[in-house]
Amino acid sequence: MIHLAVELKLPGMTFEYALNRTKQSDKNQAFHLIQSFAKGEVSHEEAHRIGIELADRLLQGKFSYIVATHTDRGHPHNHIIFLRR
């Protein structure tokens, strides 16, 4: 499952635009958070919803982000990736 908090029509272009606005001298152009849950603690759908809620609360609409929920392991986990503006 992937959630894009960007304009749905042009998500790639939106991220490309944000990345191009980042100073080339900046070492961190994007940030990657991993949110893990214990096996059986939540369903993959619940994990995804919780990941979106976390990203919304942390980023407060200031950054575009992606929440990707992995379902290929014994435990659900999210990758939350957001770009600097």
N, C-alpha and C. Protein backbone atom coordinates (compact mmCIF):
# COMPACT_ATOMS: atom_id res chain seq x y z
N MET A 1 0.84 -1.18 0.00
CA MET A 1 0.00 0.00 0.00
C MET A 1 0.88 1.23 0.00
N ILE A 2 0.50 2.21 -0.79
CA ILE A 2 1.24 3.46 -0.84
C ILE A 2 0.24 4.60 -0.74
N HIS A 3 0.58 5.59 0.04
CA HIS A 3 -0.24 6.79 0.17
C HIS A 3 0.62 7.96 -0.26
N LEU A 4 0.11 8.76 -1.18
CA LEU A 4 0.81 9.95 -1.62
C LEU A 4 0.10 11.18 -1.09
N ALA A 5 0.81 12.01 -0.38
CA ALA A 5 0.24 13.27 0.08
C ALA A 5 0.72 14.38 -0.85
N VAL A 6 0.44 14.20 -2.10
CA VAL A 6 0.78 15.17 -3.13
C VAL A 6 -0.39 15.22 -4.09
N GLU A 7 -0.34 16.13 -5.03
CA GLU A 7 -1.40 16.20 -6.02
C GLU A 7 -1.46 14.87 -6.76
N LEU A 8 -2.61 14.24 -6.79
CA LEU A 8 -2.73 12.90 -7.35
C LEU A 8 -2.48 12.84 -8.84
N LYS A 9 -2.77 13.90 -9.58
CA LYS A 9 -2.59 13.87 -11.02
C LYS A 9 -1.12 13.83 -11.42
N LEU A 10 -0.26 14.49 -10.67
CA LEU A 10 1.15 14.61 -11.05
C LEU A 10 2.09 14.37 -9.88
N PRO A 11 1.98 13.24 -9.18
CA PRO A 11 2.83 13.07 -7.99
C PRO A 11 4.31 13.07 -8.30
N GLY A 12 4.72 12.45 -9.41
CA GLY A 12 6.14 12.42 -9.76
C GLY A 12 6.68 13.80 -10.02
N MET A 13 5.91 14.60 -10.74
CA MET A 13 6.35 15.95 -11.05
C MET A 13 6.39 16.81 -9.80
N THR A 14 5.47 16.58 -8.87
CA THR A 14 5.46 17.35 -7.64
C THR A 14 6.71 17.06 -6.82
N PHE A 15 7.08 15.78 -6.70
CA PHE A 15 8.29 15.43 -5.97
C PHE A 15 9.52 15.94 -6.69
N GLU A 16 9.54 15.83 -8.00
CA GLU A 16 10.69 16.33 -8.77
C GLU A 16 10.85 17.83 -8.57
N TYR A 17 9.75 18.55 -8.59
CA TYR A 17 9.78 19.99 -8.37
C TYR A 17 10.34 20.31 -6.98
N ALA A 18 9.84 19.62 -5.96
CA ALA A 18 10.32 19.86 -4.59
C ALA A 18 11.79 19.52 -4.46
N LEU A 19 12.22 18.43 -5.07
CA LEU A 19 13.63 18.04 -5.00
C LEU A 19 14.51 19.07 -5.69
N ASN A 20 14.06 19.59 -6.82
CA ASN A 20 14.85 20.59 -7.54
C ASN A 20 14.95 21.90 -6.78
N ARG A 21 14.00 22.17 -5.90
CA ARG A 21 14.05 23.40 -5.10
C ARG A 21 15.01 23.27 -3.92
N THR A 22 15.44 22.06 -3.59
CA THR A 22 16.37 21.84 -2.49
C THR A 22 17.76 22.27 -2.93
N LYS A 23 18.46 22.93 -2.06
CA LYS A 23 19.82 23.38 -2.38
C LYS A 23 20.70 22.17 -2.63
N GLN A 24 21.46 22.22 -3.68
CA GLN A 24 22.34 21.10 -4.03
C GLN A 24 23.40 20.85 -2.96
N SER A 25 23.74 21.87 -2.18
CA SER A 25 24.75 21.70 -1.13
C SER A 25 24.19 20.98 0.10
N ASP A 26 22.86 20.90 0.21
CA ASP A 26 22.24 20.21 1.34
C ASP A 26 22.49 18.71 1.23
N LYS A 27 22.98 18.10 2.29
CA LYS A 27 23.24 16.67 2.27
C LYS A 27 21.94 15.86 2.30
N ASN A 28 20.97 16.33 3.05
CA ASN A 28 19.70 15.60 3.18
C ASN A 28 18.63 16.28 2.34
N GLN A 29 18.28 15.66 1.23
CA GLN A 29 17.21 16.21 0.39
C GLN A 29 15.88 15.55 0.72
N ALA A 30 15.93 14.41 1.35
CA ALA A 30 14.73 13.71 1.77
C ALA A 30 15.03 12.99 3.08
N PHE A 31 13.99 12.66 3.79
CA PHE A 31 14.13 11.95 5.05
C PHE A 31 13.28 10.69 5.01
N HIS A 32 13.73 9.67 5.71
CA HIS A 32 13.09 8.35 5.66
C HIS A 32 12.88 7.88 7.10
N LEU A 33 11.62 7.70 7.47
CA LEU A 33 11.28 7.16 8.77
C LEU A 33 10.74 5.74 8.59
N ILE A 34 11.04 4.86 9.52
CA ILE A 34 10.47 3.51 9.51
C ILE A 34 9.66 3.34 10.79
N GLN A 35 8.43 2.92 10.64
CA GLN A 35 7.53 2.70 11.76
C GLN A 35 7.14 1.22 11.75
N SER A 36 7.55 0.49 12.78
CA SER A 36 7.30 -0.96 12.83
C SER A 36 6.29 -1.30 13.92
N PHE A 37 5.59 -2.40 13.69
CA PHE A 37 4.63 -2.92 14.64
C PHE A 37 4.97 -4.38 14.92
N ALA A 38 4.65 -4.84 16.12
CA ALA A 38 4.87 -6.25 16.47
C ALA A 38 3.92 -7.13 15.67
N LYS A 39 4.34 -8.35 15.42
CA LYS A 39 3.51 -9.30 14.69
C LYS A 39 2.16 -9.45 15.41
N GLY A 40 1.07 -9.27 14.68
CA GLY A 40 -0.27 -9.40 15.25
C GLY A 40 -0.79 -8.17 15.97
N GLU A 41 0.04 -7.16 16.13
CA GLU A 41 -0.38 -5.95 16.86
C GLU A 41 -1.47 -5.19 16.09
N VAL A 42 -1.28 -5.04 14.79
CA VAL A 42 -2.24 -4.34 13.93
C VAL A 42 -2.28 -5.04 12.58
N SER A 43 -3.36 -4.84 11.85
CA SER A 43 -3.42 -5.36 10.48
C SER A 43 -2.60 -4.44 9.58
N HIS A 44 -2.35 -4.89 8.36
CA HIS A 44 -1.61 -4.04 7.41
C HIS A 44 -2.39 -2.76 7.11
N GLU A 45 -3.69 -2.88 7.02
CA GLU A 45 -4.53 -1.70 6.76
C GLU A 45 -4.46 -0.71 7.92
N GLU A 46 -4.51 -1.23 9.16
CA GLU A 46 -4.40 -0.36 10.32
C GLU A 46 -3.02 0.30 10.38
N ALA A 47 -1.98 -0.47 10.08
CA ALA A 47 -0.62 0.08 10.07
C ALA A 47 -0.53 1.23 9.08
N HIS A 48 -1.12 1.04 7.91
CA HIS A 48 -1.07 2.08 6.88
C HIS A 48 -1.79 3.35 7.35
N ARG A 49 -2.98 3.17 7.92
CA ARG A 49 -3.74 4.31 8.43
C ARG A 49 -2.96 5.05 9.52
N ILE A 50 -2.35 4.30 10.42
CA ILE A 50 -1.55 4.89 11.50
C ILE A 50 -0.35 5.64 10.93
N GLY A 51 0.27 5.09 9.88
CA GLY A 51 1.40 5.76 9.23
C GLY A 51 0.99 7.10 8.64
N ILE A 52 -0.18 7.13 8.00
CA ILE A 52 -0.68 8.38 7.43
C ILE A 52 -0.96 9.39 8.53
N GLU A 53 -1.58 8.93 9.62
CA GLU A 53 -1.86 9.82 10.75
C GLU A 53 -0.57 10.38 11.33
N LEU A 54 0.45 9.53 11.48
CA LEU A 54 1.73 10.00 12.01
C LEU A 54 2.35 11.05 11.10
N ALA A 55 2.38 10.77 9.80
CA ALA A 55 2.97 11.71 8.85
C ALA A 55 2.21 13.04 8.88
N ASP A 56 0.88 12.98 8.90
CA ASP A 56 0.10 14.21 8.95
C ASP A 56 0.39 15.02 10.20
N ARG A 57 0.51 14.35 11.33
CA ARG A 57 0.78 15.06 12.59
C ARG A 57 2.19 15.63 12.63
N LEU A 58 3.16 14.85 12.21
CA LEU A 58 4.55 15.31 12.26
C LEU A 58 4.84 16.42 11.25
N LEU A 59 4.32 16.28 10.06
CA LEU A 59 4.69 17.18 8.97
C LEU A 59 3.75 18.38 8.83
N GLN A 60 2.58 18.31 9.43
CA GLN A 60 1.63 19.43 9.51
C GLN A 60 1.39 20.11 8.17
N GLY A 61 1.35 19.34 7.08
CA GLY A 61 1.09 19.90 5.77
C GLY A 61 2.23 20.68 5.16
N LYS A 62 3.40 20.68 5.79
CA LYS A 62 4.54 21.46 5.29
C LYS A 62 5.38 20.72 4.27
N PHE A 63 5.23 19.40 4.19
CA PHE A 63 6.07 18.60 3.30
C PHE A 63 5.22 17.58 2.55
N SER A 64 5.61 17.30 1.31
CA SER A 64 5.01 16.20 0.57
C SER A 64 5.60 14.91 1.11
N TYR A 65 4.78 13.85 1.15
CA TYR A 65 5.30 12.60 1.67
C TYR A 65 4.67 11.40 1.00
N ILE A 66 5.31 10.26 1.21
CA ILE A 66 4.79 8.96 0.77
C ILE A 66 4.81 8.05 1.99
N VAL A 67 3.73 7.30 2.18
CA VAL A 67 3.71 6.22 3.18
C VAL A 67 3.58 4.92 2.40
N ALA A 68 4.58 4.06 2.52
CA ALA A 68 4.54 2.74 1.89
C ALA A 68 4.50 1.71 3.00
N THR A 69 3.46 0.89 3.01
CA THR A 69 3.30 -0.14 4.03
C THR A 69 3.71 -1.48 3.45
N HIS A 70 4.69 -2.11 4.07
CA HIS A 70 5.17 -3.40 3.60
C HIS A 70 4.33 -4.53 4.17
N THR A 71 3.94 -5.43 3.30
CA THR A 71 3.13 -6.58 3.70
C THR A 71 3.88 -7.89 3.46
N ASP A 72 5.17 -7.79 3.14
CA ASP A 72 5.95 -8.98 2.77
C ASP A 72 6.78 -9.54 3.91
N ARG A 73 6.60 -9.04 5.11
CA ARG A 73 7.35 -9.52 6.27
C ARG A 73 6.37 -10.09 7.29
N GLY A 74 6.88 -10.66 8.35
CA GLY A 74 6.04 -11.21 9.40
C GLY A 74 5.37 -10.16 10.25
N HIS A 75 5.80 -8.92 10.11
CA HIS A 75 5.21 -7.83 10.88
C HIS A 75 4.98 -6.65 9.94
N PRO A 76 3.87 -5.91 10.12
CA PRO A 76 3.64 -4.74 9.28
C PRO A 76 4.60 -3.62 9.65
N HIS A 77 5.05 -2.91 8.65
CA HIS A 77 5.86 -1.72 8.91
C HIS A 77 5.69 -0.72 7.77
N ASN A 78 5.86 0.54 8.13
CA ASN A 78 5.71 1.64 7.19
C ASN A 78 7.05 2.28 6.91
N HIS A 79 7.18 2.75 5.69
CA HIS A 79 8.28 3.63 5.31
C HIS A 79 7.63 4.96 4.99
N ILE A 80 8.04 6.00 5.71
CA ILE A 80 7.52 7.34 5.49
C ILE A 80 8.66 8.17 4.95
N ILE A 81 8.51 8.65 3.73
CA ILE A 81 9.56 9.41 3.07
C ILE A 81 9.01 10.79 2.76
N PHE A 82 9.75 11.83 3.18
CA PHE A 82 9.31 13.17 2.87
C PHE A 82 10.49 14.02 2.41
N LEU A 83 10.17 15.00 1.57
CA LEU A 83 11.17 15.87 0.97
C LEU A 83 11.23 17.18 1.71
N ARG A 84 12.42 17.75 1.71
CA ARG A 84 12.58 19.11 2.23
C ARG A 84 12.03 20.08 1.21
N ARG A 85 11.52 21.17 1.67
CA ARG A 85 11.06 22.22 0.76
C ARG A 85 12.05 23.34 0.75
